[in-house]
């Protein structure tokens, strides 16, 4: 998925300078961050609603729209996909790949892996 997001990111960067009359991406970017953020939230809500309704195909379609709108926001915010992947890697080190970063740092103990010593990883809390 990372390659697809990276290609999308590059395409959105290129679209920024296109004529908004011919590029929906250029038009969205010209409308500013409030409009971009609104589209992102709308797509997230649609994914959630379709998921609750059990509409698998709609979840797939709306998820693609959600990722597109997220990338548009990232481009305009000056954030690269690589920065997101590094944060994902950091969180995986702390909590595991299938865990979300806790809102309250006291909610779960922070477990940090340290380099292996004689084949056994030391764990700090």
PDB file of N, CA and C in Angstrom:
ATOM      1  N   UNK A   1       0.814  -1.194   0.000  1.00  0.00           N
ATOM      2  CA  UNK A   1       0.000   0.000   0.000  1.00  0.00           C
ATOM      3  C   UNK A   1       0.860   1.261   0.000  1.00  0.00           C
ATOM      4  N   UNK A   2       2.028   1.174   0.632  1.00  0.00           N
ATOM      5  CA  UNK A   2       2.900   2.331   0.699  1.00  0.00           C
ATOM      6  C   UNK A   2       3.279   2.866  -0.665  1.00  0.00           C
ATOM      7  N   UNK A   3       3.536   1.966  -1.625  1.00  0.00           N
ATOM      8  CA  UNK A   3       3.885   2.412  -2.973  1.00  0.00           C
ATOM      9  C   UNK A   3       2.737   3.172  -3.613  1.00  0.00           C
ATOM     10  N   UNK A   4       1.514   2.675  -3.420  1.00  0.00           N
ATOM     11  CA  UNK A   4       0.344   3.355  -3.983  1.00  0.00           C
ATOM     12  C   UNK A   4       0.176   4.740  -3.371  1.00  0.00           C
ATOM     13  N   UNK A   5       0.351   4.831  -2.072  1.00  0.00           N
ATOM     14  CA  UNK A   5       0.224   6.128  -1.398  1.00  0.00           C
ATOM     15  C   UNK A   5       1.332   7.064  -1.870  1.00  0.00           C
ATOM     16  N   UNK A   6       2.540   6.544  -2.024  1.00  0.00           N
ATOM     17  CA  UNK A   6       3.640   7.379  -2.508  1.00  0.00           C
ATOM     18  C   UNK A   6       3.358   7.888  -3.927  1.00  0.00           C
ATOM     19  N   UNK A   7       2.834   7.025  -4.796  1.00  0.00           N
ATOM     20  CA  UNK A   7       2.495   7.451  -6.159  1.00  0.00           C
ATOM     21  C   UNK A   7       1.373   8.490  -6.136  1.00  0.00           C
ATOM     22  N   UNK A   8       0.370   8.257  -5.292  1.00  0.00           N
ATOM     23  CA  UNK A   8      -0.718   9.220  -5.159  1.00  0.00           C
ATOM     24  C   UNK A   8      -0.181  10.559  -4.660  1.00  0.00           C
ATOM     25  N   UNK A   9       0.702  10.517  -3.683  1.00  0.00           N
ATOM     26  CA  UNK A   9       1.295  11.737  -3.135  1.00  0.00           C
ATOM     27  C   UNK A   9       1.995  12.529  -4.241  1.00  0.00           C
ATOM     28  N   UNK A  10       2.793  11.847  -5.046  1.00  0.00           N
ATOM     29  CA  UNK A  10       3.506  12.515  -6.145  1.00  0.00           C
ATOM     30  C   UNK A  10       2.527  13.086  -7.169  1.00  0.00           C
ATOM     31  N   UNK A  11       1.455  12.356  -7.452  1.00  0.00           N
ATOM     32  CA  UNK A  11       0.446  12.833  -8.404  1.00  0.00           C
ATOM     33  C   UNK A  11      -0.272  14.067  -7.868  1.00  0.00           C
ATOM     34  N   UNK A  12      -0.572  14.074  -6.575  1.00  0.00           N
ATOM     35  CA  UNK A  12      -1.227  15.243  -5.975  1.00  0.00           C
ATOM     36  C   UNK A  12      -0.276  16.439  -5.991  1.00  0.00           C
ATOM     37  N   UNK A  13       0.997  16.203  -5.685  1.00  0.00           N
ATOM     38  CA  UNK A  13       1.983  17.294  -5.778  1.00  0.00           C
ATOM     39  C   UNK A  13       1.984  17.894  -7.184  1.00  0.00           C
ATOM     40  N   UNK A  14       1.977  17.049  -8.191  1.00  0.00           N
ATOM     41  CA  UNK A  14       2.002  17.516  -9.581  1.00  0.00           C
ATOM     42  C   UNK A  14       0.713  18.252  -9.933  1.00  0.00           C
ATOM     43  N   UNK A  15      -0.399  17.806  -9.385  1.00  0.00           N
ATOM     44  CA  UNK A  15      -1.700  18.403  -9.712  1.00  0.00           C
ATOM     45  C   UNK A  15      -1.875  19.793  -9.112  1.00  0.00           C
ATOM     46  N   UNK A  16      -1.093  20.123  -8.104  1.00  0.00           N
ATOM     47  CA  UNK A  16      -1.237  21.426  -7.437  1.00  0.00           C
ATOM     48  C   UNK A  16      -1.126  22.588  -8.410  1.00  0.00           C
ATOM     49  N   UNK A  17      -0.323  22.429  -9.452  1.00  0.00           N
ATOM     50  CA  UNK A  17      -0.067  23.532 -10.383  1.00  0.00           C
ATOM     51  C   UNK A  17      -0.951  23.476 -11.630  1.00  0.00           C
ATOM     52  N   UNK A  18      -1.805  22.485 -11.708  1.00  0.00           N
ATOM     53  CA  UNK A  18      -2.677  22.360 -12.872  1.00  0.00           C
ATOM     54  C   UNK A  18      -3.816  23.381 -12.808  1.00  0.00           C
ATOM     55  N   UNK A  19      -4.475  23.530 -13.930  1.00  0.00           N
ATOM     56  CA  UNK A  19      -5.625  24.431 -14.036  1.00  0.00           C
ATOM     57  C   UNK A  19      -6.806  23.811 -13.291  1.00  0.00           C
ATOM     58  N   UNK A  20      -7.357  24.507 -12.290  1.00  0.00           N
ATOM     59  CA  UNK A  20      -8.493  23.974 -11.532  1.00  0.00           C
ATOM     60  C   UNK A  20      -9.729  23.705 -12.394  1.00  0.00           C
ATOM     61  N   UNK A  21      -9.805  24.301 -13.564  1.00  0.00           N
ATOM     62  CA  UNK A  21     -10.933  24.035 -14.452  1.00  0.00           C
ATOM     63  C   UNK A  21     -10.868  22.620 -15.010  1.00  0.00           C
ATOM     64  N   UNK A  22      -9.674  22.015 -14.989  1.00  0.00           N
ATOM     65  CA  UNK A  22      -9.490  20.686 -15.559  1.00  0.00           C
ATOM     66  C   UNK A  22      -9.027  19.643 -14.545  1.00  0.00           C
ATOM     67  N   UNK A  23      -8.674  20.075 -13.362  1.00  0.00           N
ATOM     68  CA  UNK A  23      -8.180  19.147 -12.342  1.00  0.00           C
ATOM     69  C   UNK A  23      -8.975  19.325 -11.050  1.00  0.00           C
ATOM     70  N   UNK A  24      -9.673  18.267 -10.651  1.00  0.00           N
ATOM     71  CA  UNK A  24     -10.436  18.332  -9.399  1.00  0.00           C
ATOM     72  C   UNK A  24      -9.488  18.483  -8.206  1.00  0.00           C
ATOM     73  N   UNK A  25      -8.309  17.883  -8.306  1.00  0.00           N
ATOM     74  CA  UNK A  25      -7.335  18.006  -7.222  1.00  0.00           C
ATOM     75  C   UNK A  25      -6.862  19.451  -7.095  1.00  0.00           C
ATOM     76  N   UNK A  26      -6.523  20.073  -8.205  1.00  0.00           N
ATOM     77  CA  UNK A  26      -6.090  21.475  -8.173  1.00  0.00           C
ATOM     78  C   UNK A  26      -7.202  22.363  -7.626  1.00  0.00           C
ATOM     79  N   UNK A  27      -8.436  22.083  -8.031  1.00  0.00           N
ATOM     80  CA  UNK A  27      -9.577  22.863  -7.544  1.00  0.00           C
ATOM     81  C   UNK A  27      -9.724  22.713  -6.026  1.00  0.00           C
ATOM     82  N   UNK A  28      -9.634  21.486  -5.543  1.00  0.00           N
ATOM     83  CA  UNK A  28      -9.751  21.239  -4.109  1.00  0.00           C
ATOM     84  C   UNK A  28      -8.649  21.964  -3.335  1.00  0.00           C
ATOM     85  N   UNK A  29      -7.438  21.892  -3.829  1.00  0.00           N
ATOM     86  CA  UNK A  29      -6.312  22.557  -3.158  1.00  0.00           C
ATOM     87  C   UNK A  29      -6.500  24.074  -3.160  1.00  0.00           C
ATOM     88  N   UNK A  30      -6.952  24.625  -4.251  1.00  0.00           N
ATOM     89  CA  UNK A  30      -7.174  26.078  -4.334  1.00  0.00           C
ATOM     90  C   UNK A  30      -8.259  26.540  -3.370  1.00  0.00           C
ATOM     91  N   UNK A  31      -9.191  25.638  -3.045  1.00  0.00           N
ATOM     92  CA  UNK A  31     -10.269  26.001  -2.119  1.00  0.00           C
ATOM     93  C   UNK A  31      -9.783  26.099  -0.679  1.00  0.00           C
ATOM     94  N   UNK A  32      -8.587  25.608  -0.406  1.00  0.00           N
ATOM     95  CA  UNK A  32      -7.972  25.800   0.899  1.00  0.00           C
ATOM     96  C   UNK A  32      -8.162  24.641   1.869  1.00  0.00           C
ATOM     97  N   UNK A  33      -7.390  24.703   2.946  1.00  0.00           N
ATOM     98  CA  UNK A  33      -7.370  23.640   3.935  1.00  0.00           C
ATOM     99  C   UNK A  33      -8.738  23.383   4.579  1.00  0.00           C
ATOM    100  N   UNK A  34      -9.538  24.410   4.880  1.00  0.00           N
ATOM    101  CA  UNK A  34     -10.849  24.105   5.461  1.00  0.00           C
ATOM    102  C   UNK A  34     -11.684  23.175   4.561  1.00  0.00           C
ATOM    103  N   UNK A  35     -11.673  23.417   3.260  1.00  0.00           N
ATOM    104  CA  UNK A  35     -12.430  22.568   2.325  1.00  0.00           C
ATOM    105  C   UNK A  35     -11.817  21.169   2.261  1.00  0.00           C
ATOM    106  N   UNK A  36     -10.485  21.103   2.234  1.00  0.00           N
ATOM    107  CA  UNK A  36      -9.806  19.804   2.180  1.00  0.00           C
ATOM    108  C   UNK A  36     -10.119  18.994   3.438  1.00  0.00           C
ATOM    109  N   UNK A  37     -10.068  19.644   4.594  1.00  0.00           N
ATOM    110  CA  UNK A  37     -10.354  18.958   5.856  1.00  0.00           C
ATOM    111  C   UNK A  37     -11.812  18.505   5.908  1.00  0.00           C
ATOM    112  N   UNK A  38     -12.704  19.329   5.399  1.00  0.00           N
ATOM    113  CA  UNK A  38     -14.127  18.972   5.365  1.00  0.00           C
ATOM    114  C   UNK A  38     -14.337  17.719   4.515  1.00  0.00           C
ATOM    115  N   UNK A  39     -13.698  17.657   3.352  1.00  0.00           N
ATOM    116  CA  UNK A  39     -13.816  16.480   2.483  1.00  0.00           C
ATOM    117  C   UNK A  39     -13.257  15.239   3.176  1.00  0.00           C
ATOM    118  N   UNK A  40     -12.159  15.392   3.888  1.00  0.00           N
ATOM    119  CA  UNK A  40     -11.557  14.275   4.613  1.00  0.00           C
ATOM    120  C   UNK A  40     -12.527  13.730   5.663  1.00  0.00           C
ATOM    121  N   UNK A  41     -13.124  14.616   6.425  1.00  0.00           N
ATOM    122  CA  UNK A  41     -14.084  14.214   7.463  1.00  0.00           C
ATOM    123  C   UNK A  41     -15.317  13.567   6.835  1.00  0.00           C
ATOM    124  N   UNK A  42     -15.809  14.129   5.744  1.00  0.00           N
ATOM    125  CA  UNK A  42     -16.977  13.557   5.066  1.00  0.00           C
ATOM    126  C   UNK A  42     -16.699  12.119   4.624  1.00  0.00           C
ATOM    127  N   UNK A  43     -15.531  11.898   4.040  1.00  0.00           N
ATOM    128  CA  UNK A  43     -15.198  10.549   3.567  1.00  0.00           C
ATOM    129  C   UNK A  43     -15.039   9.580   4.739  1.00  0.00           C
ATOM    130  N   UNK A  44     -14.440  10.044   5.830  1.00  0.00           N
ATOM    131  CA  UNK A  44     -14.304   9.183   7.010  1.00  0.00           C
ATOM    132  C   UNK A  44     -15.670   8.792   7.553  1.00  0.00           C
ATOM    133  N   UNK A  45     -16.587   9.749   7.588  1.00  0.00           N
ATOM    134  CA  UNK A  45     -17.942   9.458   8.064  1.00  0.00           C
ATOM    135  C   UNK A  45     -18.637   8.465   7.137  1.00  0.00           C
ATOM    136  N   UNK A  46     -18.448   8.619   5.839  1.00  0.00           N
ATOM    137  CA  UNK A  46     -19.069   7.692   4.889  1.00  0.00           C
ATOM    138  C   UNK A  46     -18.528   6.272   5.068  1.00  0.00           C
ATOM    139  N   UNK A  47     -17.230   6.145   5.284  1.00  0.00           N
ATOM    140  CA  UNK A  47     -16.647   4.817   5.529  1.00  0.00           C
ATOM    141  C   UNK A  47     -17.280   4.206   6.772  1.00  0.00           C
ATOM    142  N   UNK A  48     -17.367   4.983   7.831  1.00  0.00           N
ATOM    143  CA  UNK A  48     -17.952   4.490   9.077  1.00  0.00           C
ATOM    144  C   UNK A  48     -19.402   4.076   8.915  1.00  0.00           C
ATOM    145  N   UNK A  49     -20.188   4.906   8.267  1.00  0.00           N
ATOM    146  CA  UNK A  49     -21.607   4.585   8.070  1.00  0.00           C
ATOM    147  C   UNK A  49     -21.789   3.349   7.201  1.00  0.00           C
ATOM    148  N   UNK A  50     -21.031   3.253   6.128  1.00  0.00           N
ATOM    149  CA  UNK A  50     -21.130   2.080   5.261  1.00  0.00           C
ATOM    150  C   UNK A  50     -20.688   0.812   5.989  1.00  0.00           C
ATOM    151  N   UNK A  51     -19.688   0.923   6.849  1.00  0.00           N
ATOM    152  CA  UNK A  51     -19.241  -0.231   7.624  1.00  0.00           C
ATOM    153  C   UNK A  51     -20.335  -0.698   8.572  1.00  0.00           C
ATOM    154  N   UNK A  52     -20.981   0.230   9.245  1.00  0.00           N
ATOM    155  CA  UNK A  52     -22.069  -0.106  10.166  1.00  0.00           C
ATOM    156  C   UNK A  52     -23.213  -0.780   9.415  1.00  0.00           C
ATOM    157  N   UNK A  53     -23.463  -0.329   8.209  1.00  0.00           N
ATOM    158  CA  UNK A  53     -24.536  -0.898   7.403  1.00  0.00           C
ATOM    159  C   UNK A  53     -24.134  -2.209   6.730  1.00  0.00           C
ATOM    160  N   UNK A  54     -22.882  -2.604   6.880  1.00  0.00           N
ATOM    161  CA  UNK A  54     -22.415  -3.844   6.285  1.00  0.00           C
ATOM    162  C   UNK A  54     -22.270  -3.790   4.772  1.00  0.00           C
ATOM    163  N   UNK A  55     -22.086  -2.605   4.228  1.00  0.00           N
ATOM    164  CA  UNK A  55     -21.961  -2.425   2.784  1.00  0.00           C
ATOM    165  C   UNK A  55     -20.491  -2.491   2.398  1.00  0.00           C
ATOM    166  N   UNK A  56     -20.006  -3.698   2.215  1.00  0.00           N
ATOM    167  CA  UNK A  56     -18.582  -3.950   1.963  1.00  0.00           C
ATOM    168  C   UNK A  56     -18.057  -3.175   0.745  1.00  0.00           C
ATOM    169  N   UNK A  57     -18.762  -3.257  -0.368  1.00  0.00           N
ATOM    170  CA  UNK A  57     -18.302  -2.587  -1.595  1.00  0.00           C
ATOM    171  C   UNK A  57     -18.204  -1.080  -1.388  1.00  0.00           C
ATOM    172  N   UNK A  58     -19.180  -0.495  -0.706  1.00  0.00           N
ATOM    173  CA  UNK A  58     -19.142   0.944  -0.447  1.00  0.00           C
ATOM    174  C   UNK A  58     -17.975   1.298   0.473  1.00  0.00           C
ATOM    175  N   UNK A  59     -17.666   0.436   1.436  1.00  0.00           N
ATOM    176  CA  UNK A  59     -16.523   0.686   2.326  1.00  0.00           C
ATOM    177  C   UNK A  59     -15.232   0.730   1.503  1.00  0.00           C
ATOM    178  N   UNK A  60     -15.108  -0.170   0.556  1.00  0.00           N
ATOM    179  CA  UNK A  60     -13.911  -0.185  -0.301  1.00  0.00           C
ATOM    180  C   UNK A  60     -13.822   1.112  -1.105  1.00  0.00           C
ATOM    181  N   UNK A  61     -14.910   1.475  -1.756  1.00  0.00           N
ATOM    182  CA  UNK A  61     -14.909   2.684  -2.589  1.00  0.00           C
ATOM    183  C   UNK A  61     -14.664   3.946  -1.765  1.00  0.00           C
ATOM    184  N   UNK A  62     -15.357   4.061  -0.643  1.00  0.00           N
ATOM    185  CA  UNK A  62     -15.204   5.251   0.198  1.00  0.00           C
ATOM    186  C   UNK A  62     -13.832   5.296   0.871  1.00  0.00           C
ATOM    187  N   UNK A  63     -13.256   4.139   1.154  1.00  0.00           N
ATOM    188  CA  UNK A  63     -11.907   4.101   1.735  1.00  0.00           C
ATOM    189  C   UNK A  63     -10.885   4.655   0.756  1.00  0.00           C
ATOM    190  N   UNK A  64     -11.046   4.334  -0.525  1.00  0.00           N
ATOM    191  CA  UNK A  64     -10.149   4.902  -1.536  1.00  0.00           C
ATOM    192  C   UNK A  64     -10.289   6.418  -1.576  1.00  0.00           C
ATOM    193  N   UNK A  65     -11.536   6.918  -1.489  1.00  0.00           N
ATOM    194  CA  UNK A  65     -11.755   8.368  -1.441  1.00  0.00           C
ATOM    195  C   UNK A  65     -11.133   8.971  -0.183  1.00  0.00           C
ATOM    196  N   UNK A  66     -11.257   8.261   0.937  1.00  0.00           N
ATOM    197  CA  UNK A  66     -10.685   8.735   2.197  1.00  0.00           C
ATOM    198  C   UNK A  66      -9.167   8.861   2.093  1.00  0.00           C
ATOM    199  N   UNK A  67      -8.526   7.850   1.531  1.00  0.00           N
ATOM    200  CA  UNK A  67      -7.066   7.895   1.395  1.00  0.00           C
ATOM    201  C   UNK A  67      -6.656   9.029   0.462  1.00  0.00           C
ATOM    202  N   UNK A  68      -7.384   9.187  -0.631  1.00  0.00           N
ATOM    203  CA  UNK A  68      -7.099  10.296  -1.551  1.00  0.00           C
ATOM    204  C   UNK A  68      -7.171  11.638  -0.806  1.00  0.00           C
ATOM    205  N   UNK A  69      -8.259  11.861  -0.088  1.00  0.00           N
ATOM    206  CA  UNK A  69      -8.421  13.138   0.612  1.00  0.00           C
ATOM    207  C   UNK A  69      -7.406  13.311   1.728  1.00  0.00           C
ATOM    208  N   UNK A  70      -7.009  12.232   2.379  1.00  0.00           N
ATOM    209  CA  UNK A  70      -5.943  12.314   3.381  1.00  0.00           C
ATOM    210  C   UNK A  70      -4.644  12.755   2.725  1.00  0.00           C
ATOM    211  N   UNK A  71      -4.326  12.182   1.584  1.00  0.00           N
ATOM    212  CA  UNK A  71      -3.090  12.555   0.891  1.00  0.00           C
ATOM    213  C   UNK A  71      -3.134  14.024   0.452  1.00  0.00           C
ATOM    214  N   UNK A  72      -4.266  14.497  -0.001  1.00  0.00           N
ATOM    215  CA  UNK A  72      -4.390  15.925  -0.373  1.00  0.00           C
ATOM    216  C   UNK A  72      -4.084  16.796   0.848  1.00  0.00           C
ATOM    217  N   UNK A  73      -4.633  16.441   1.994  1.00  0.00           N
ATOM    218  CA  UNK A  73      -4.369  17.204   3.224  1.00  0.00           C
ATOM    219  C   UNK A  73      -2.887  17.123   3.585  1.00  0.00           C
ATOM    220  N   UNK A  74      -2.306  15.939   3.475  1.00  0.00           N
ATOM    221  CA  UNK A  74      -0.880  15.792   3.802  1.00  0.00           C
ATOM    222  C   UNK A  74      -0.018  16.654   2.891  1.00  0.00           C
ATOM    223  N   UNK A  75      -0.297  16.642   1.602  1.00  0.00           N
ATOM    224  CA  UNK A  75       0.471  17.462   0.653  1.00  0.00           C
ATOM    225  C   UNK A  75       0.400  18.928   1.065  1.00  0.00           C
ATOM    226  N   UNK A  76      -0.798  19.394   1.333  1.00  0.00           N
ATOM    227  CA  UNK A  76      -0.951  20.813   1.657  1.00  0.00           C
ATOM    228  C   UNK A  76      -0.333  21.156   3.009  1.00  0.00           C
ATOM    229  N   UNK A  77      -0.288  20.189   3.918  1.00  0.00           N
ATOM    230  CA  UNK A  77       0.325  20.414   5.237  1.00  0.00           C
ATOM    231  C   UNK A  77       1.844  20.231   5.200  1.00  0.00           C
ATOM    232  N   UNK A  78       2.379  19.809   4.048  1.00  0.00           N
ATOM    233  CA  UNK A  78       3.828  19.621   3.931  1.00  0.00           C
ATOM    234  C   UNK A  78       4.320  18.381   4.649  1.00  0.00           C
ATOM    235  N   UNK A  79       3.469  17.373   4.763  1.00  0.00           N
ATOM    236  CA  UNK A  79       3.813  16.116   5.433  1.00  0.00           C
ATOM    237  C   UNK A  79       3.960  15.037   4.376  1.00  0.00           C
ATOM    238  N   UNK A  80       5.062  14.318   4.406  1.00  0.00           N
ATOM    239  CA  UNK A  80       5.283  13.256   3.417  1.00  0.00           C
ATOM    240  C   UNK A  80       4.793  11.915   3.951  1.00  0.00           C
ATOM    241  N   UNK A  81       4.447  11.004   3.049  1.00  0.00           N
ATOM    242  CA  UNK A  81       4.069   9.661   3.497  1.00  0.00           C
ATOM    243  C   UNK A  81       5.171   9.003   4.330  1.00  0.00           C
ATOM    244  N   UNK A  82       6.432   9.279   3.994  1.00  0.00           N
ATOM    245  CA  UNK A  82       7.535   8.685   4.743  1.00  0.00           C
ATOM    246  C   UNK A  82       7.484   9.087   6.216  1.00  0.00           C
ATOM    247  N   UNK A  83       7.060  10.303   6.503  1.00  0.00           N
ATOM    248  CA  UNK A  83       6.924  10.730   7.895  1.00  0.00           C
ATOM    249  C   UNK A  83       5.855   9.908   8.618  1.00  0.00           C
ATOM    250  N   UNK A  84       4.778   9.594   7.907  1.00  0.00           N
ATOM    251  CA  UNK A  84       3.708   8.775   8.490  1.00  0.00           C
ATOM    252  C   UNK A  84       4.218   7.360   8.730  1.00  0.00           C
ATOM    253  N   UNK A  85       4.926   6.795   7.735  1.00  0.00           N
ATOM    254  CA  UNK A  85       5.438   5.423   7.897  1.00  0.00           C
ATOM    255  C   UNK A  85       6.429   5.359   9.063  1.00  0.00           C
ATOM    256  N   UNK A  86       7.251   6.391   9.233  1.00  0.00           N
ATOM    257  CA  UNK A  86       8.196   6.393  10.369  1.00  0.00           C
ATOM    258  C   UNK A  86       7.444   6.410  11.701  1.00  0.00           C
ATOM    259  N   UNK A  87       6.359   7.182  11.759  1.00  0.00           N
ATOM    260  CA  UNK A  87       5.561   7.202  12.991  1.00  0.00           C
ATOM    261  C   UNK A  87       4.903   5.845  13.231  1.00  0.00           C
ATOM    262  N   UNK A  88       4.436   5.207  12.162  1.00  0.00           N
ATOM    263  CA  UNK A  88       3.851   3.866  12.306  1.00  0.00           C
ATOM    264  C   UNK A  88       4.903   2.887  12.838  1.00  0.00           C
ATOM    265  N   UNK A  89       6.116   2.969  12.303  1.00  0.00           N
ATOM    266  CA  UNK A  89       7.204   2.110  12.778  1.00  0.00           C
ATOM    267  C   UNK A  89       7.508   2.379  14.250  1.00  0.00           C
ATOM    268  N   UNK A  90       7.529   3.655  14.630  1.00  0.00           N
ATOM    269  CA  UNK A  90       7.802   4.016  16.027  1.00  0.00           C
ATOM    270  C   UNK A  90       6.743   3.420  16.943  1.00  0.00           C
ATOM    271  N   UNK A  91       5.486   3.544  16.560  1.00  0.00           N
ATOM    272  CA  UNK A  91       4.398   3.006  17.379  1.00  0.00           C
ATOM    273  C   UNK A  91       4.458   1.485  17.456  1.00  0.00           C
ATOM    274  N   UNK A  92       4.818   0.858  16.348  1.00  0.00           N
ATOM    275  CA  UNK A  92       4.943  -0.602  16.368  1.00  0.00           C
ATOM    276  C   UNK A  92       5.998  -1.024  17.389  1.00  0.00           C
ATOM    277  N   UNK A  93       7.089  -0.287  17.451  1.00  0.00           N
ATOM    278  CA  UNK A  93       8.140  -0.581  18.424  1.00  0.00           C
ATOM    279  C   UNK A  93       7.620  -0.471  19.855  1.00  0.00           C
ATOM    280  N   UNK A  94       6.738   0.500  20.091  1.00  0.00           N
ATOM    281  CA  UNK A  94       6.233   0.747  21.442  1.00  0.00           C
ATOM    282  C   UNK A  94       5.074  -0.157  21.831  1.00  0.00           C
ATOM    283  N   UNK A  95       4.129  -0.363  20.914  1.00  0.00           N
ATOM    284  CA  UNK A  95       2.862  -0.987  21.279  1.00  0.00           C
ATOM    285  C   UNK A  95       2.487  -2.196  20.449  1.00  0.00           C
ATOM    286  N   UNK A  96       3.195  -2.445  19.362  1.00  0.00           N
ATOM    287  CA  UNK A  96       2.809  -3.519  18.461  1.00  0.00           C
ATOM    288  C   UNK A  96       2.056  -2.953  17.278  1.00  0.00           C
ATOM    289  N   UNK A  97       2.057  -3.674  16.192  1.00  0.00           N
ATOM    290  CA  UNK A  97       1.504  -3.163  14.943  1.00  0.00           C
ATOM    291  C   UNK A  97      -0.007  -2.980  15.008  1.00  0.00           C
ATOM    292  N   UNK A  98      -0.688  -3.777  15.807  1.00  0.00           N
ATOM    293  CA  UNK A  98      -2.155  -3.737  15.813  1.00  0.00           C
ATOM    294  C   UNK A  98      -2.715  -2.886  16.937  1.00  0.00           C
ATOM    295  N   UNK A  99      -1.911  -2.037  17.513  1.00  0.00           N
ATOM    296  CA  UNK A  99      -2.383  -1.185  18.602  1.00  0.00           C
ATOM    297  C   UNK A  99      -2.305   0.278  18.199  1.00  0.00           C
ATOM    298  N   UNK A 100      -3.249   1.041  18.675  1.00  0.00           N
ATOM    299  CA  UNK A 100      -3.283   2.478  18.454  1.00  0.00           C
ATOM    300  C   UNK A 100      -2.582   3.151  19.627  1.00  0.00           C
ATOM    301  N   UNK A 101      -1.920   4.235  19.356  1.00  0.00           N
ATOM    302  CA  UNK A 101      -1.260   5.003  20.396  1.00  0.00           C
ATOM    303  C   UNK A 101      -2.301   5.444  21.418  1.00  0.00           C
ATOM    304  N   UNK A 102      -2.099   5.126  22.707  1.00  0.00           N
ATOM    305  CA  UNK A 102      -3.101   5.512  23.716  1.00  0.00           C
ATOM    306  C   UNK A 102      -3.228   7.026  23.831  1.00  0.00           C
ATOM    307  N   UNK A 103      -4.444   7.493  24.047  1.00  0.00           N
ATOM    308  CA  UNK A 103      -4.671   8.930  24.267  1.00  0.00           C
ATOM    309  C   UNK A 103      -4.027   9.341  25.583  1.00  0.00           C
ATOM    310  N   UNK A 104      -4.215   8.504  26.600  1.00  0.00           N
ATOM    311  CA  UNK A 104      -3.656   8.745  27.916  1.00  0.00           C
ATOM    312  C   UNK A 104      -2.431   7.856  28.063  1.00  0.00           C
ATOM    313  N   UNK A 105      -1.260   8.443  28.130  1.00  0.00           N
ATOM    314  CA  UNK A 105      -0.033   7.658  28.182  1.00  0.00           C
ATOM    315  C   UNK A 105       0.002   6.693  29.364  1.00  0.00           C
ATOM    316  N   UNK A 106      -0.806   6.939  30.408  1.00  0.00           N
ATOM    317  CA  UNK A 106      -0.858   6.034  31.542  1.00  0.00           C
ATOM    318  C   UNK A 106      -1.783   4.853  31.307  1.00  0.00           C
ATOM    319  N   UNK A 107      -2.499   4.862  30.197  1.00  0.00           N
ATOM    320  CA  UNK A 107      -3.481   3.821  29.911  1.00  0.00           C
ATOM    321  C   UNK A 107      -2.824   2.450  29.750  1.00  0.00           C
ATOM    322  N   UNK A 108      -1.695   2.387  29.058  1.00  0.00           N
ATOM    323  CA  UNK A 108      -0.959   1.145  28.859  1.00  0.00           C
ATOM    324  C   UNK A 108       0.490   1.413  29.218  1.00  0.00           C
ATOM    325  N   UNK A 109       1.159   0.442  29.795  1.00  0.00           N
ATOM    326  CA  UNK A 109       2.579   0.661  30.059  1.00  0.00           C
ATOM    327  C   UNK A 109       3.335   0.775  28.741  1.00  0.00           C
ATOM    328  N   UNK A 110       4.283   1.675  28.696  1.00  0.00           N
ATOM    329  CA  UNK A 110       5.109   1.820  27.510  1.00  0.00           C
ATOM    330  C   UNK A 110       6.189   0.763  27.568  1.00  0.00           C
ATOM    331  N   UNK A 111       6.234  -0.063  26.542  1.00  0.00           N
ATOM    332  CA  UNK A 111       7.246  -1.110  26.459  1.00  0.00           C
ATOM    333  C   UNK A 111       8.158  -0.740  25.311  1.00  0.00           C
ATOM    334  N   UNK A 112       9.438  -0.581  25.615  1.00  0.00           N
ATOM    335  CA  UNK A 112      10.406  -0.222  24.581  1.00  0.00           C
ATOM    336  C   UNK A 112      11.389  -1.366  24.413  1.00  0.00           C
ATOM    337  N   UNK A 113      11.542  -1.792  23.193  1.00  0.00           N
ATOM    338  CA  UNK A 113      12.516  -2.842  22.919  1.00  0.00           C
ATOM    339  C   UNK A 113      13.884  -2.197  22.802  1.00  0.00           C
ATOM    340  N   UNK A 114      14.861  -2.831  23.405  1.00  0.00           N
ATOM    341  CA  UNK A 114      16.234  -2.370  23.286  1.00  0.00           C
ATOM    342  C   UNK A 114      16.981  -3.386  22.441  1.00  0.00           C
ATOM    343  N   UNK A 115      18.175  -3.067  22.007  1.00  0.00           N
ATOM    344  CA  UNK A 115      18.911  -4.010  21.162  1.00  0.00           C
ATOM    345  C   UNK A 115      19.085  -5.358  21.852  1.00  0.00           C
ATOM    346  N   UNK A 116      19.208  -6.383  21.019  1.00  0.00           N
ATOM    347  CA  UNK A 116      19.395  -7.732  21.531  1.00  0.00           C
ATOM    348  C   UNK A 116      20.724  -7.854  22.261  1.00  0.00           C
ATOM    349  N   UNK A 117      20.701  -8.568  23.360  1.00  0.00           N
ATOM    350  CA  UNK A 117      21.911  -8.879  24.103  1.00  0.00           C
ATOM    351  C   UNK A 117      21.983 -10.388  24.204  1.00  0.00           C
ATOM    352  N   UNK A 118      22.967 -10.984  23.555  1.00  0.00           N
ATOM    353  CA  UNK A 118      23.143 -12.437  23.528  1.00  0.00           C
ATOM    354  C   UNK A 118      21.861 -13.153  23.090  1.00  0.00           C
ATOM    355  N   UNK A 119      21.196 -12.608  22.050  1.00  0.00           N
ATOM    356  CA  UNK A 119      20.022 -13.266  21.496  1.00  0.00           C
ATOM    357  C   UNK A 119      18.730 -13.041  22.248  1.00  0.00           C
ATOM    358  N   UNK A 120      18.762 -12.262  23.326  1.00  0.00           N
ATOM    359  CA  UNK A 120      17.547 -12.013  24.105  1.00  0.00           C
ATOM    360  C   UNK A 120      17.304 -10.510  24.141  1.00  0.00           C
ATOM    361  N   UNK A 121      16.107 -10.128  23.786  1.00  0.00           N
ATOM    362  CA  UNK A 121      15.795  -8.690  23.803  1.00  0.00           C
ATOM    363  C   UNK A 121      15.497  -8.258  25.227  1.00  0.00           C
ATOM    364  N   UNK A 122      16.081  -7.158  25.612  1.00  0.00           N
ATOM    365  CA  UNK A 122      15.757  -6.568  26.900  1.00  0.00           C
ATOM    366  C   UNK A 122      14.546  -5.681  26.725  1.00  0.00           C
ATOM    367  N   UNK A 123      13.690  -5.655  27.695  1.00  0.00           N
ATOM    368  CA  UNK A 123      12.494  -4.817  27.642  1.00  0.00           C
ATOM    369  C   UNK A 123      12.508  -3.881  28.835  1.00  0.00           C
ATOM    370  N   UNK A 124      12.321  -2.577  28.550  1.00  0.00           N
ATOM    371  CA  UNK A 124      12.258  -1.571  29.611  1.00  0.00           C
ATOM    372  C   UNK A 124      10.840  -1.144  29.776  1.00  0.00           C
ATOM    373  N   UNK A 125      10.466  -0.820  30.973  1.00  0.00           N
ATOM    374  CA  UNK A 125       9.129  -0.255  31.248  1.00  0.00           C
ATOM    375  C   UNK A 125       9.296   1.093  31.866  1.00  0.00           C
TER     376      UNK A 125
END
